Amino acid sequence: METNILTKESDVYSFAVVLFEVLCGRLCIGKPDEEPHLLTEIAKRSYEKGTLDDIIFNGLHQQMEPKSLKTFSSVAYRCLKREREEHPTMVQVFEELELALEYQASIALLLLYLFS
């Protein structure tokens, strides 16, 4: 966006924005009546400080298996890297999100087994 040049790497960045919007249950840019903020900057700082739990949508946080959350947030964070060369490819993003889904599904199956 800063260079006005769109590339497949900028698509990866944009996808990360969507991932964090879903994870945090809020839009990338604050509402007009709120203090301006960029979710991407908040997410990066929170991830780096290890305080991502503070910004994750509470209802979602309670339902996520910890390994799934860690995998999901890790790939989303790496997609936000400033240098395009540091971004994972969309194939890598897909593979890691698939792994996060497998972690989530495994805990769901375990709970189903335990409570049936």
PDB file of N, CA and C in Angstrom:
ATOM      1  N   MET A   1       0.826  -1.180   0.000  1.00  0.00           N
ATOM      2  CA  MET A   1       0.000   0.000   0.000  1.00  0.00           C
ATOM      3  C   MET A   1       0.878   1.253   0.000  1.00  0.00           C
ATOM      4  N   GLU A   2       1.945   1.225   0.763  1.00  0.00           N
ATOM      5  CA  GLU A   2       2.826   2.397   0.838  1.00  0.00           C
ATOM      6  C   GLU A   2       3.495   2.703  -0.491  1.00  0.00           C
ATOM      7  N   THR A   3       3.770   1.659  -1.277  1.00  0.00           N
ATOM      8  CA  THR A   3       4.477   1.851  -2.542  1.00  0.00           C
ATOM      9  C   THR A   3       3.532   1.951  -3.736  1.00  0.00           C
ATOM     10  N   ASN A   4       2.250   1.738  -3.501  1.00  0.00           N
ATOM     11  CA  ASN A   4       1.249   1.710  -4.579  1.00  0.00           C
ATOM     12  C   ASN A   4       1.517   0.611  -5.590  1.00  0.00           C
ATOM     13  N   ILE A   5       2.210  -0.426  -5.180  1.00  0.00           N
ATOM     14  CA  ILE A   5       2.481  -1.577  -6.029  1.00  0.00           C
ATOM     15  C   ILE A   5       1.856  -2.792  -5.361  1.00  0.00           C
ATOM     16  N   LEU A   6       0.929  -3.421  -6.056  1.00  0.00           N
ATOM     17  CA  LEU A   6       0.287  -4.598  -5.502  1.00  0.00           C
ATOM     18  C   LEU A   6       0.942  -5.845  -6.071  1.00  0.00           C
ATOM     19  N   THR A   7       1.233  -6.775  -5.188  1.00  0.00           N
ATOM     20  CA  THR A   7       1.895  -8.019  -5.573  1.00  0.00           C
ATOM     21  C   THR A   7       1.215  -9.172  -4.859  1.00  0.00           C
ATOM     22  N   LYS A   8       1.642 -10.383  -5.155  1.00  0.00           N
ATOM     23  CA  LYS A   8       1.096 -11.529  -4.430  1.00  0.00           C
ATOM     24  C   LYS A   8       1.467 -11.456  -2.951  1.00  0.00           C
ATOM     25  N   GLU A   9       2.604 -10.822  -2.632  1.00  0.00           N
ATOM     26  CA  GLU A   9       2.982 -10.652  -1.228  1.00  0.00           C
ATOM     27  C   GLU A   9       2.040  -9.688  -0.514  1.00  0.00           C
ATOM     28  N   SER A  10       1.551  -8.676  -1.235  1.00  0.00           N
ATOM     29  CA  SER A  10       0.591  -7.776  -0.602  1.00  0.00           C
ATOM     30  C   SER A  10      -0.734  -8.491  -0.380  1.00  0.00           C
ATOM     31  N   ASP A  11      -1.046  -9.482  -1.216  1.00  0.00           N
ATOM     32  CA  ASP A  11      -2.228 -10.306  -0.986  1.00  0.00           C
ATOM     33  C   ASP A  11      -2.073 -11.123   0.294  1.00  0.00           C
ATOM     34  N   VAL A  12      -0.874 -11.619   0.543  1.00  0.00           N
ATOM     35  CA  VAL A  12      -0.599 -12.374   1.769  1.00  0.00           C
ATOM     36  C   VAL A  12      -0.813 -11.469   2.979  1.00  0.00           C
ATOM     37  N   TYR A  13      -0.327 -10.231   2.901  1.00  0.00           N
ATOM     38  CA  TYR A  13      -0.508  -9.264   3.980  1.00  0.00           C
ATOM     39  C   TYR A  13      -2.003  -9.005   4.199  1.00  0.00           C
ATOM     40  N   SER A  14      -2.721  -8.786   3.121  1.00  0.00           N
ATOM     41  CA  SER A  14      -4.162  -8.522   3.214  1.00  0.00           C
ATOM     42  C   SER A  14      -4.900  -9.697   3.840  1.00  0.00           C
ATOM     43  N   PHE A  15      -4.474 -10.901   3.508  1.00  0.00           N
ATOM     44  CA  PHE A  15      -5.093 -12.088   4.086  1.00  0.00           C
ATOM     45  C   PHE A  15      -4.849 -12.128   5.588  1.00  0.00           C
ATOM     46  N   ALA A  16      -3.664 -11.715   6.015  1.00  0.00           N
ATOM     47  CA  ALA A  16      -3.359 -11.670   7.448  1.00  0.00           C
ATOM     48  C   ALA A  16      -4.277 -10.693   8.166  1.00  0.00           C
ATOM     49  N   VAL A  17      -4.588  -9.588   7.507  1.00  0.00           N
ATOM     50  CA  VAL A  17      -5.513  -8.619   8.100  1.00  0.00           C
ATOM     51  C   VAL A  17      -6.853  -9.291   8.369  1.00  0.00           C
ATOM     52  N   VAL A  18      -7.333 -10.049   7.396  1.00  0.00           N
ATOM     53  CA  VAL A  18      -8.602 -10.757   7.563  1.00  0.00           C
ATOM     54  C   VAL A  18      -8.492 -11.797   8.686  1.00  0.00           C
ATOM     55  N   LEU A  19      -7.377 -12.521   8.741  1.00  0.00           N
ATOM     56  CA  LEU A  19      -7.197 -13.514   9.806  1.00  0.00           C
ATOM     57  C   LEU A  19      -7.276 -12.863  11.187  1.00  0.00           C
ATOM     58  N   PHE A  20      -6.631 -11.711  11.344  1.00  0.00           N
ATOM     59  CA  PHE A  20      -6.679 -11.040  12.646  1.00  0.00           C
ATOM     60  C   PHE A  20      -8.047 -10.417  12.915  1.00  0.00           C
ATOM     61  N   GLU A  21      -8.749  -9.979  11.887  1.00  0.00           N
ATOM     62  CA  GLU A  21     -10.113  -9.478  12.099  1.00  0.00           C
ATOM     63  C   GLU A  21     -11.000 -10.597  12.638  1.00  0.00           C
ATOM     64  N   VAL A  22     -10.863 -11.790  12.076  1.00  0.00           N
ATOM     65  CA  VAL A  22     -11.639 -12.939  12.546  1.00  0.00           C
ATOM     66  C   VAL A  22     -11.219 -13.314  13.965  1.00  0.00           C
ATOM     67  N   LEU A  23      -9.928 -13.392  14.203  1.00  0.00           N
ATOM     68  CA  LEU A  23      -9.414 -13.795  15.503  1.00  0.00           C
ATOM     69  C   LEU A  23      -9.814 -12.824  16.611  1.00  0.00           C
ATOM     70  N   CYS A  24      -9.824 -11.550  16.286  1.00  0.00           N
ATOM     71  CA  CYS A  24     -10.088 -10.529  17.307  1.00  0.00           C
ATOM     72  C   CYS A  24     -11.540 -10.054  17.326  1.00  0.00           C
ATOM     73  N   GLY A  25     -12.309 -10.418  16.319  1.00  0.00           N
ATOM     74  CA  GLY A  25     -13.715 -10.016  16.285  1.00  0.00           C
ATOM     75  C   GLY A  25     -13.900  -8.522  16.131  1.00  0.00           C
ATOM     76  N   ARG A  26     -13.014  -7.889  15.365  1.00  0.00           N
ATOM     77  CA  ARG A  26     -13.137  -6.446  15.114  1.00  0.00           C
ATOM     78  C   ARG A  26     -12.547  -6.098  13.756  1.00  0.00           C
ATOM     79  N   LEU A  27     -12.921  -4.927  13.289  1.00  0.00           N
ATOM     80  CA  LEU A  27     -12.430  -4.470  11.993  1.00  0.00           C
ATOM     81  C   LEU A  27     -10.997  -3.969  12.100  1.00  0.00           C
ATOM     82  N   CYS A  28     -10.338  -3.921  10.971  1.00  0.00           N
ATOM     83  CA  CYS A  28      -8.932  -3.496  10.921  1.00  0.00           C
ATOM     84  C   CYS A  28      -8.758  -2.060  11.393  1.00  0.00           C
ATOM     85  N   ILE A  29      -9.702  -1.201  11.042  1.00  0.00           N
ATOM     86  CA  ILE A  29      -9.624   0.208  11.429  1.00  0.00           C
ATOM     87  C   ILE A  29     -10.805   0.507  12.334  1.00  0.00           C
ATOM     88  N   GLY A  30     -10.550   1.256  13.414  1.00  0.00           N
ATOM     89  CA  GLY A  30     -11.586   1.561  14.384  1.00  0.00           C
ATOM     90  C   GLY A  30     -12.737   2.340  13.792  1.00  0.00           C
ATOM     91  N   LYS A  31     -13.855   2.306  14.474  1.00  0.00           N
ATOM     92  CA  LYS A  31     -15.049   3.043  14.053  1.00  0.00           C
ATOM     93  C   LYS A  31     -14.794   4.534  14.203  1.00  0.00           C
ATOM     94  N   PRO A  32     -15.540   5.365  13.465  1.00  0.00           N
ATOM     95  CA  PRO A  32     -15.327   6.822  13.536  1.00  0.00           C
ATOM     96  C   PRO A  32     -15.458   7.417  14.936  1.00  0.00           C
ATOM     97  N   ASP A  33     -16.296   6.839  15.785  1.00  0.00           N
ATOM     98  CA  ASP A  33     -16.485   7.386  17.126  1.00  0.00           C
ATOM     99  C   ASP A  33     -15.464   6.857  18.135  1.00  0.00           C
ATOM    100  N   GLU A  34     -14.552   6.008  17.674  1.00  0.00           N
ATOM    101  CA  GLU A  34     -13.508   5.475  18.551  1.00  0.00           C
ATOM    102  C   GLU A  34     -12.183   6.159  18.248  1.00  0.00           C
ATOM    103  N   GLU A  35     -11.248   5.983  19.156  1.00  0.00           N
ATOM    104  CA  GLU A  35      -9.894   6.453  18.906  1.00  0.00           C
ATOM    105  C   GLU A  35      -9.332   5.658  17.727  1.00  0.00           C
ATOM    106  N   PRO A  36      -8.718   6.341  16.759  1.00  0.00           N
ATOM    107  CA  PRO A  36      -8.196   5.604  15.595  1.00  0.00           C
ATOM    108  C   PRO A  36      -7.151   4.571  16.014  1.00  0.00           C
ATOM    109  N   HIS A  37      -7.237   3.416  15.399  1.00  0.00           N
ATOM    110  CA  HIS A  37      -6.252   2.373  15.652  1.00  0.00           C
ATOM    111  C   HIS A  37      -6.205   1.450  14.445  1.00  0.00           C
ATOM    112  N   LEU A  38      -5.091   0.833  14.262  1.00  0.00           N
ATOM    113  CA  LEU A  38      -4.944  -0.183  13.224  1.00  0.00           C
ATOM    114  C   LEU A  38      -4.772  -1.527  13.914  1.00  0.00           C
ATOM    115  N   LEU A  39      -5.661  -2.429  13.630  1.00  0.00           N
ATOM    116  CA  LEU A  39      -5.613  -3.746  14.247  1.00  0.00           C
ATOM    117  C   LEU A  39      -4.284  -4.444  13.960  1.00  0.00           C
ATOM    118  N   THR A  40      -3.732  -4.219  12.776  1.00  0.00           N
ATOM    119  CA  THR A  40      -2.469  -4.882  12.439  1.00  0.00           C
ATOM    120  C   THR A  40      -1.356  -4.477  13.397  1.00  0.00           C
ATOM    121  N   GLU A  41      -1.294  -3.209  13.747  1.00  0.00           N
ATOM    122  CA  GLU A  41      -0.256  -2.748  14.680  1.00  0.00           C
ATOM    123  C   GLU A  41      -0.505  -3.289  16.081  1.00  0.00           C
ATOM    124  N   ILE A  42      -1.750  -3.300  16.495  1.00  0.00           N
ATOM    125  CA  ILE A  42      -2.094  -3.847  17.813  1.00  0.00           C
ATOM    126  C   ILE A  42      -1.762  -5.342  17.855  1.00  0.00           C
ATOM    127  N   ALA A  43      -2.099  -6.054  16.802  1.00  0.00           N
ATOM    128  CA  ALA A  43      -1.847  -7.499  16.742  1.00  0.00           C
ATOM    129  C   ALA A  43      -0.351  -7.794  16.758  1.00  0.00           C
ATOM    130  N   LYS A  44       0.417  -7.050  15.975  1.00  0.00           N
ATOM    131  CA  LYS A  44       1.872  -7.276  15.959  1.00  0.00           C
ATOM    132  C   LYS A  44       2.474  -7.055  17.342  1.00  0.00           C
ATOM    133  N   ARG A  45       2.121  -5.931  17.974  1.00  0.00           N
ATOM    134  CA  ARG A  45       2.663  -5.644  19.306  1.00  0.00           C
ATOM    135  C   ARG A  45       2.247  -6.717  20.308  1.00  0.00           C
ATOM    136  N   SER A  46       0.981  -7.100  20.273  1.00  0.00           N
ATOM    137  CA  SER A  46       0.482  -8.104  21.211  1.00  0.00           C
ATOM    138  C   SER A  46       1.162  -9.450  20.992  1.00  0.00           C
ATOM    139  N   TYR A  47       1.352  -9.827  19.744  1.00  0.00           N
ATOM    140  CA  TYR A  47       2.015 -11.102  19.448  1.00  0.00           C
ATOM    141  C   TYR A  47       3.452 -11.077  19.970  1.00  0.00           C
ATOM    142  N   GLU A  48       4.151  -9.982  19.693  1.00  0.00           N
ATOM    143  CA  GLU A  48       5.553  -9.874  20.103  1.00  0.00           C
ATOM    144  C   GLU A  48       5.713  -9.833  21.619  1.00  0.00           C
ATOM    145  N   LYS A  49       4.757  -9.238  22.322  1.00  0.00           N
ATOM    146  CA  LYS A  49       4.815  -9.160  23.782  1.00  0.00           C
ATOM    147  C   LYS A  49       4.263 -10.417  24.453  1.00  0.00           C
ATOM    148  N   GLY A  50       3.636 -11.285  23.668  1.00  0.00           N
ATOM    149  CA  GLY A  50       3.026 -12.482  24.243  1.00  0.00           C
ATOM    150  C   GLY A  50       1.705 -12.198  24.925  1.00  0.00           C
ATOM    151  N   THR A  51       1.042 -11.112  24.528  1.00  0.00           N
ATOM    152  CA  THR A  51      -0.230 -10.736  25.146  1.00  0.00           C
ATOM    153  C   THR A  51      -1.395 -10.821  24.167  1.00  0.00           C
ATOM    154  N   LEU A  52      -1.273 -11.689  23.184  1.00  0.00           N
ATOM    155  CA  LEU A  52      -2.312 -11.821  22.164  1.00  0.00           C
ATOM    156  C   LEU A  52      -3.654 -12.203  22.787  1.00  0.00           C
ATOM    157  N   ASP A  53      -3.609 -12.936  23.886  1.00  0.00           N
ATOM    158  CA  ASP A  53      -4.850 -13.327  24.568  1.00  0.00           C
ATOM    159  C   ASP A  53      -5.708 -12.115  24.930  1.00  0.00           C
ATOM    160  N   ASP A  54      -5.079 -10.976  25.161  1.00  0.00           N
ATOM    161  CA  ASP A  54      -5.810  -9.773  25.557  1.00  0.00           C
ATOM    162  C   ASP A  54      -6.672  -9.193  24.440  1.00  0.00           C
ATOM    163  N   ILE A  55      -6.357  -9.488  23.192  1.00  0.00           N
ATOM    164  CA  ILE A  55      -7.106  -8.881  22.084  1.00  0.00           C
ATOM    165  C   ILE A  55      -7.968  -9.879  21.309  1.00  0.00           C
ATOM    166  N   ILE A  56      -7.820 -11.163  21.608  1.00  0.00           N
ATOM    167  CA  ILE A  56      -8.602 -12.181  20.912  1.00  0.00           C
ATOM    168  C   ILE A  56     -10.042 -12.117  21.392  1.00  0.00           C
ATOM    169  N   PHE A  57     -10.957 -12.259  20.467  1.00  0.00           N
ATOM    170  CA  PHE A  57     -12.382 -12.273  20.782  1.00  0.00           C
ATOM    171  C   PHE A  57     -12.647 -13.333  21.829  1.00  0.00           C
ATOM    172  N   ASN A  58     -13.233 -12.937  22.944  1.00  0.00           N
ATOM    173  CA  ASN A  58     -13.377 -13.814  24.104  1.00  0.00           C
ATOM    174  C   ASN A  58     -14.122 -15.105  23.786  1.00  0.00           C
ATOM    175  N   GLY A  59     -15.233 -15.009  23.100  1.00  0.00           N
ATOM    176  CA  GLY A  59     -15.999 -16.210  22.781  1.00  0.00           C
ATOM    177  C   GLY A  59     -15.205 -17.187  21.942  1.00  0.00           C
ATOM    178  N   LEU A  60     -14.398 -16.673  21.050  1.00  0.00           N
ATOM    179  CA  LEU A  60     -13.575 -17.519  20.183  1.00  0.00           C
ATOM    180  C   LEU A  60     -12.405 -18.104  20.968  1.00  0.00           C
ATOM    181  N   HIS A  61     -11.809 -17.285  21.779  1.00  0.00           N
ATOM    182  CA  HIS A  61     -10.646 -17.718  22.573  1.00  0.00           C
ATOM    183  C   HIS A  61     -10.989 -18.929  23.433  1.00  0.00           C
ATOM    184  N   GLN A  62     -12.163 -18.920  24.022  1.00  0.00           N
ATOM    185  CA  GLN A  62     -12.572 -20.009  24.910  1.00  0.00           C
ATOM    186  C   GLN A  62     -12.791 -21.322  24.157  1.00  0.00           C
ATOM    187  N   GLN A  63     -13.046 -21.227  22.851  1.00  0.00           N
ATOM    188  CA  GLN A  63     -13.341 -22.425  22.067  1.00  0.00           C
ATOM    189  C   GLN A  63     -12.122 -23.011  21.369  1.00  0.00           C
ATOM    190  N   MET A  64     -11.026 -22.265  21.321  1.00  0.00           N
ATOM    191  CA  MET A  64      -9.874 -22.715  20.538  1.00  0.00           C
ATOM    192  C   MET A  64      -8.916 -23.574  21.354  1.00  0.00           C
ATOM    193  N   GLU A  65      -8.462 -24.627  20.734  1.00  0.00           N
ATOM    194  CA  GLU A  65      -7.434 -25.483  21.300  1.00  0.00           C
ATOM    195  C   GLU A  65      -6.130 -24.685  21.262  1.00  0.00           C
ATOM    196  N   PRO A  66      -5.339 -24.650  22.335  1.00  0.00           N
ATOM    197  CA  PRO A  66      -4.143 -23.802  22.392  1.00  0.00           C
ATOM    198  C   PRO A  66      -3.157 -23.984  21.237  1.00  0.00           C
ATOM    199  N   LYS A  67      -2.905 -25.226  20.810  1.00  0.00           N
ATOM    200  CA  LYS A  67      -1.984 -25.430  19.688  1.00  0.00           C
ATOM    201  C   LYS A  67      -2.570 -24.868  18.392  1.00  0.00           C
ATOM    202  N   SER A  68      -3.865 -24.970  18.249  1.00  0.00           N
ATOM    203  CA  SER A  68      -4.530 -24.420  17.070  1.00  0.00           C
ATOM    204  C   SER A  68      -4.393 -22.902  17.057  1.00  0.00           C
ATOM    205  N   LEU A  69      -4.643 -22.286  18.189  1.00  0.00           N
ATOM    206  CA  LEU A  69      -4.515 -20.833  18.306  1.00  0.00           C
ATOM    207  C   LEU A  69      -3.086 -20.384  18.041  1.00  0.00           C
ATOM    208  N   LYS A  70      -2.125 -21.098  18.589  1.00  0.00           N
ATOM    209  CA  LYS A  70      -0.721 -20.739  18.393  1.00  0.00           C
ATOM    210  C   LYS A  70      -0.336 -20.828  16.916  1.00  0.00           C
ATOM    211  N   THR A  71      -0.746 -21.886  16.245  1.00  0.00           N
ATOM    212  CA  THR A  71      -0.433 -22.064  14.830  1.00  0.00           C
ATOM    213  C   THR A  71      -1.110 -20.991  13.990  1.00  0.00           C
ATOM    214  N   PHE A  72      -2.384 -20.738  14.243  1.00  0.00           N
ATOM    215  CA  PHE A  72      -3.162 -19.735  13.514  1.00  0.00           C
ATOM    216  C   PHE A  72      -2.535 -18.357  13.687  1.00  0.00           C
ATOM    217  N   SER A  73      -2.269 -17.976  14.922  1.00  0.00           N
ATOM    218  CA  SER A  73      -1.737 -16.636  15.172  1.00  0.00           C
ATOM    219  C   SER A  73      -0.313 -16.479  14.648  1.00  0.00           C
ATOM    220  N   SER A  74       0.470 -17.539  14.697  1.00  0.00           N
ATOM    221  CA  SER A  74       1.843 -17.486  14.201  1.00  0.00           C
ATOM    222  C   SER A  74       1.885 -17.210  12.699  1.00  0.00           C
ATOM    223  N   VAL A  75       1.079 -17.929  11.945  1.00  0.00           N
ATOM    224  CA  VAL A  75       1.093 -17.711  10.499  1.00  0.00           C
ATOM    225  C   VAL A  75       0.514 -16.333  10.163  1.00  0.00           C
ATOM    226  N   ALA A  76      -0.503 -15.913  10.870  1.00  0.00           N
ATOM    227  CA  ALA A  76      -1.073 -14.584  10.627  1.00  0.00           C
ATOM    228  C   ALA A  76      -0.033 -13.501  10.915  1.00  0.00           C
ATOM    229  N   TYR A  77       0.699 -13.658  12.004  1.00  0.00           N
ATOM    230  CA  TYR A  77       1.743 -12.690  12.359  1.00  0.00           C
ATOM    231  C   TYR A  77       2.832 -12.624  11.287  1.00  0.00           C
ATOM    232  N   ARG A  78       3.285 -13.783  10.838  1.00  0.00           N
ATOM    233  CA  ARG A  78       4.341 -13.794   9.815  1.00  0.00           C
ATOM    234  C   ARG A  78       3.880 -13.156   8.506  1.00  0.00           C
ATOM    235  N   CYS A  79       2.605 -13.231   8.218  1.00  0.00           N
ATOM    236  CA  CYS A  79       2.067 -12.587   7.009  1.00  0.00           C
ATOM    237  C   CYS A  79       2.103 -11.059   7.118  1.00  0.00           C
ATOM    238  N   LEU A  80       2.210 -10.540   8.328  1.00  0.00           N
ATOM    239  CA  LEU A  80       2.243  -9.085   8.537  1.00  0.00           C
ATOM    240  C   LEU A  80       3.646  -8.501   8.495  1.00  0.00           C
ATOM    241  N   LYS A  81       4.639  -9.323   8.275  1.00  0.00           N
ATOM    242  CA  LYS A  81       6.014  -8.809   8.235  1.00  0.00           C
ATOM    243  C   LYS A  81       6.135  -7.692   7.208  1.00  0.00           C
ATOM    244  N   ARG A  82       6.944  -6.713   7.532  1.00  0.00           N
ATOM    245  CA  ARG A  82       7.100  -5.542   6.656  1.00  0.00           C
ATOM    246  C   ARG A  82       7.761  -5.900   5.338  1.00  0.00           C
ATOM    247  N   GLU A  83       8.782  -6.716   5.397  1.00  0.00           N
ATOM    248  CA  GLU A  83       9.499  -7.097   4.180  1.00  0.00           C
ATOM    249  C   GLU A  83       8.765  -8.234   3.472  1.00  0.00           C
ATOM    250  N   ARG A  84       8.466  -8.039   2.220  1.00  0.00           N
ATOM    251  CA  ARG A  84       7.724  -9.043   1.457  1.00  0.00           C
ATOM    252  C   ARG A  84       8.430 -10.395   1.439  1.00  0.00           C
ATOM    253  N   GLU A  85       9.748 -10.366   1.442  1.00  0.00           N
ATOM    254  CA  GLU A  85      10.509 -11.613   1.390  1.00  0.00           C
ATOM    255  C   GLU A  85      10.314 -12.462   2.648  1.00  0.00           C
ATOM    256  N   GLU A  86       9.873 -11.833   3.713  1.00  0.00           N
ATOM    257  CA  GLU A  86       9.660 -12.548   4.979  1.00  0.00           C
ATOM    258  C   GLU A  86       8.278 -13.180   5.066  1.00  0.00           C
ATOM    259  N   HIS A  87       7.386 -12.826   4.150  1.00  0.00           N
ATOM    260  CA  HIS A  87       6.039 -13.399   4.166  1.00  0.00           C
ATOM    261  C   HIS A  87       6.090 -14.866   3.759  1.00  0.00           C
ATOM    262  N   PRO A  88       5.268 -15.691   4.369  1.00  0.00           N
ATOM    263  CA  PRO A  88       5.125 -17.055   3.863  1.00  0.00           C
ATOM    264  C   PRO A  88       4.348 -17.007   2.543  1.00  0.00           C
ATOM    265  N   THR A  89       4.475 -18.047   1.768  1.00  0.00           N
ATOM    266  CA  THR A  89       3.670 -18.129   0.546  1.00  0.00           C
ATOM    267  C   THR A  89       2.244 -18.509   0.938  1.00  0.00           C
ATOM    268  N   MET A  90       1.311 -18.317   0.034  1.00  0.00           N
ATOM    269  CA  MET A  90      -0.064 -18.713   0.328  1.00  0.00           C
ATOM    270  C   MET A  90      -0.170 -20.226   0.503  1.00  0.00           C
ATOM    271  N   VAL A  91       0.673 -20.972  -0.167  1.00  0.00           N
ATOM    272  CA  VAL A  91       0.690 -22.428   0.032  1.00  0.00           C
ATOM    273  C   VAL A  91       1.093 -22.739   1.469  1.00  0.00           C
ATOM    274  N   GLN A  92       2.124 -22.053   1.976  1.00  0.00           N
ATOM    275  CA  GLN A  92       2.542 -22.256   3.366  1.00  0.00           C
ATOM    276  C   GLN A  92       1.447 -21.828   4.335  1.00  0.00           C
ATOM    277  N   VAL A  93       0.786 -20.707   4.035  1.00  0.00           N
ATOM    278  CA  VAL A  93      -0.310 -20.229   4.879  1.00  0.00           C
ATOM    279  C   VAL A  93      -1.409 -21.288   4.928  1.00  0.00           C
ATOM    280  N   PHE A  94      -1.775 -21.788   3.761  1.00  0.00           N
ATOM    281  CA  PHE A  94      -2.816 -22.814   3.686  1.00  0.00           C
ATOM    282  C   PHE A  94      -2.433 -24.043   4.504  1.00  0.00           C
ATOM    283  N   GLU A  95      -1.205 -24.501   4.356  1.00  0.00           N
ATOM    284  CA  GLU A  95      -0.752 -25.691   5.079  1.00  0.00           C
ATOM    285  C   GLU A  95      -0.805 -25.482   6.590  1.00  0.00           C
ATOM    286  N   GLU A  96      -0.408 -24.308   7.043  1.00  0.00           N
ATOM    287  CA  GLU A  96      -0.418 -24.051   8.490  1.00  0.00           C
ATOM    288  C   GLU A  96      -1.837 -23.882   9.026  1.00  0.00           C
ATOM    289  N   LEU A  97      -2.699 -23.260   8.239  1.00  0.00           N
ATOM    290  CA  LEU A  97      -4.091 -23.136   8.671  1.00  0.00           C
ATOM    291  C   LEU A  97      -4.763 -24.514   8.697  1.00  0.00           C
ATOM    292  N   GLU A  98      -4.392 -25.356   7.768  1.00  0.00           N
ATOM    293  CA  GLU A  98      -4.906 -26.723   7.763  1.00  0.00           C
ATOM    294  C   GLU A  98      -4.434 -27.461   9.019  1.00  0.00           C
ATOM    295  N   LEU A  99      -3.178 -27.251   9.410  1.00  0.00           N
ATOM    296  CA  LEU A  99      -2.649 -27.858  10.628  1.00  0.00           C
ATOM    297  C   LEU A  99      -3.404 -27.339  11.856  1.00  0.00           C
ATOM    298  N   ALA A 100      -3.668 -26.042  11.904  1.00  0.00           N
ATOM    299  CA  ALA A 100      -4.435 -25.460  13.017  1.00  0.00           C
ATOM    300  C   ALA A 100      -5.820 -26.090  13.089  1.00  0.00           C
ATOM    301  N   LEU A 101      -6.418 -26.315  11.929  1.00  0.00           N
ATOM    302  CA  LEU A 101      -7.734 -26.960  11.886  1.00  0.00           C
ATOM    303  C   LEU A 101      -7.660 -28.398  12.396  1.00  0.00           C
ATOM    304  N   GLU A 102      -6.594 -29.105  12.041  1.00  0.00           N
ATOM    305  CA  GLU A 102      -6.416 -30.479  12.523  1.00  0.00           C
ATOM    306  C   GLU A 102      -6.286 -30.507  14.050  1.00  0.00           C
ATOM    307  N   TYR A 103      -5.528 -29.561  14.614  1.00  0.00           N
ATOM    308  CA  TYR A 103      -5.408 -29.481  16.075  1.00  0.00           C
ATOM    309  C   TYR A 103      -6.785 -29.254  16.706  1.00  0.00           C
ATOM    310  N   GLN A 104      -7.531 -28.334  16.097  1.00  0.00           N
ATOM    311  CA  GLN A 104      -8.852 -28.003  16.620  1.00  0.00           C
ATOM    312  C   GLN A 104      -9.783 -29.205  16.521  1.00  0.00           C
ATOM    313  N   ALA A 105      -9.735 -29.896  15.405  1.00  0.00           N
ATOM    314  CA  ALA A 105     -10.607 -31.057  15.203  1.00  0.00           C
ATOM    315  C   ALA A 105     -10.252 -32.186  16.160  1.00  0.00           C
ATOM    316  N   SER A 106      -8.959 -32.356  16.436  1.00  0.00           N
ATOM    317  CA  SER A 106      -8.557 -33.449  17.323  1.00  0.00           C
ATOM    318  C   SER A 106      -9.085 -33.234  18.734  1.00  0.00           C
ATOM    319  N   ILE A 107      -9.076 -32.009  19.208  1.00  0.00           N
ATOM    320  CA  ILE A 107      -9.597 -31.760  20.555  1.00  0.00           C
ATOM    321  C   ILE A 107     -11.118 -31.893  20.569  1.00  0.00           C
ATOM    322  N   ALA A 108     -11.769 -31.515  19.480  1.00  0.00           N
ATOM    323  CA  ALA A 108     -13.213 -31.654  19.392  1.00  0.00           C
ATOM    324  C   ALA A 108     -13.603 -33.131  19.419  1.00  0.00           C
ATOM    325  N   LEU A 109     -12.859 -33.954  18.709  1.00  0.00           N
ATOM    326  CA  LEU A 109     -13.137 -35.404  18.722  1.00  0.00           C
ATOM    327  C   LEU A 109     -12.894 -35.997  20.108  1.00  0.00           C
ATOM    328  N   LEU A 110     -11.841 -35.556  20.767  1.00  0.00           N
ATOM    329  CA  LEU A 110     -11.556 -36.044  22.122  1.00  0.00           C
ATOM    330  C   LEU A 110     -12.690 -35.670  23.079  1.00  0.00           C
ATOM    331  N   LEU A 111     -13.161 -34.443  23.007  1.00  0.00           N
ATOM    332  CA  LEU A 111     -14.255 -34.008  23.875  1.00  0.00           C
ATOM    333  C   LEU A 111     -15.529 -34.784  23.569  1.00  0.00           C
ATOM    334  N   LEU A 112     -15.775 -35.006  22.303  1.00  0.00           N
ATOM    335  CA  LEU A 112     -16.951 -35.782  21.913  1.00  0.00           C
ATOM    336  C   LEU A 112     -16.872 -37.190  22.487  1.00  0.00           C
ATOM    337  N   TYR A 113     -15.705 -37.801  22.411  1.00  0.00           N
ATOM    338  CA  TYR A 113     -15.494 -39.139  22.949  1.00  0.00           C
ATOM    339  C   TYR A 113     -15.674 -39.160  24.470  1.00  0.00           C
ATOM    340  N   LEU A 114     -15.104 -38.165  25.146  1.00  0.00           N
ATOM    341  CA  LEU A 114     -15.174 -38.128  26.610  1.00  0.00           C
ATOM    342  C   LEU A 114     -16.576 -37.906  27.139  1.00  0.00           C
ATOM    343  N   PHE A 115     -17.369 -37.126  26.422  1.00  0.00           N
ATOM    344  CA  PHE A 115     -18.696 -36.760  26.939  1.00  0.00           C
ATOM    345  C   PHE A 115     -19.827 -37.507  26.256  1.00  0.00           C
ATOM    346  N   SER A 116     -19.503 -38.571  25.532  1.00  0.00           N
ATOM    347  CA  SER A 116     -20.599 -39.344  24.922  1.00  0.00           C
ATOM    348  C   SER A 116     -20.767 -40.692  25.577  1.00  0.00           C
TER     349      SER A 116
END
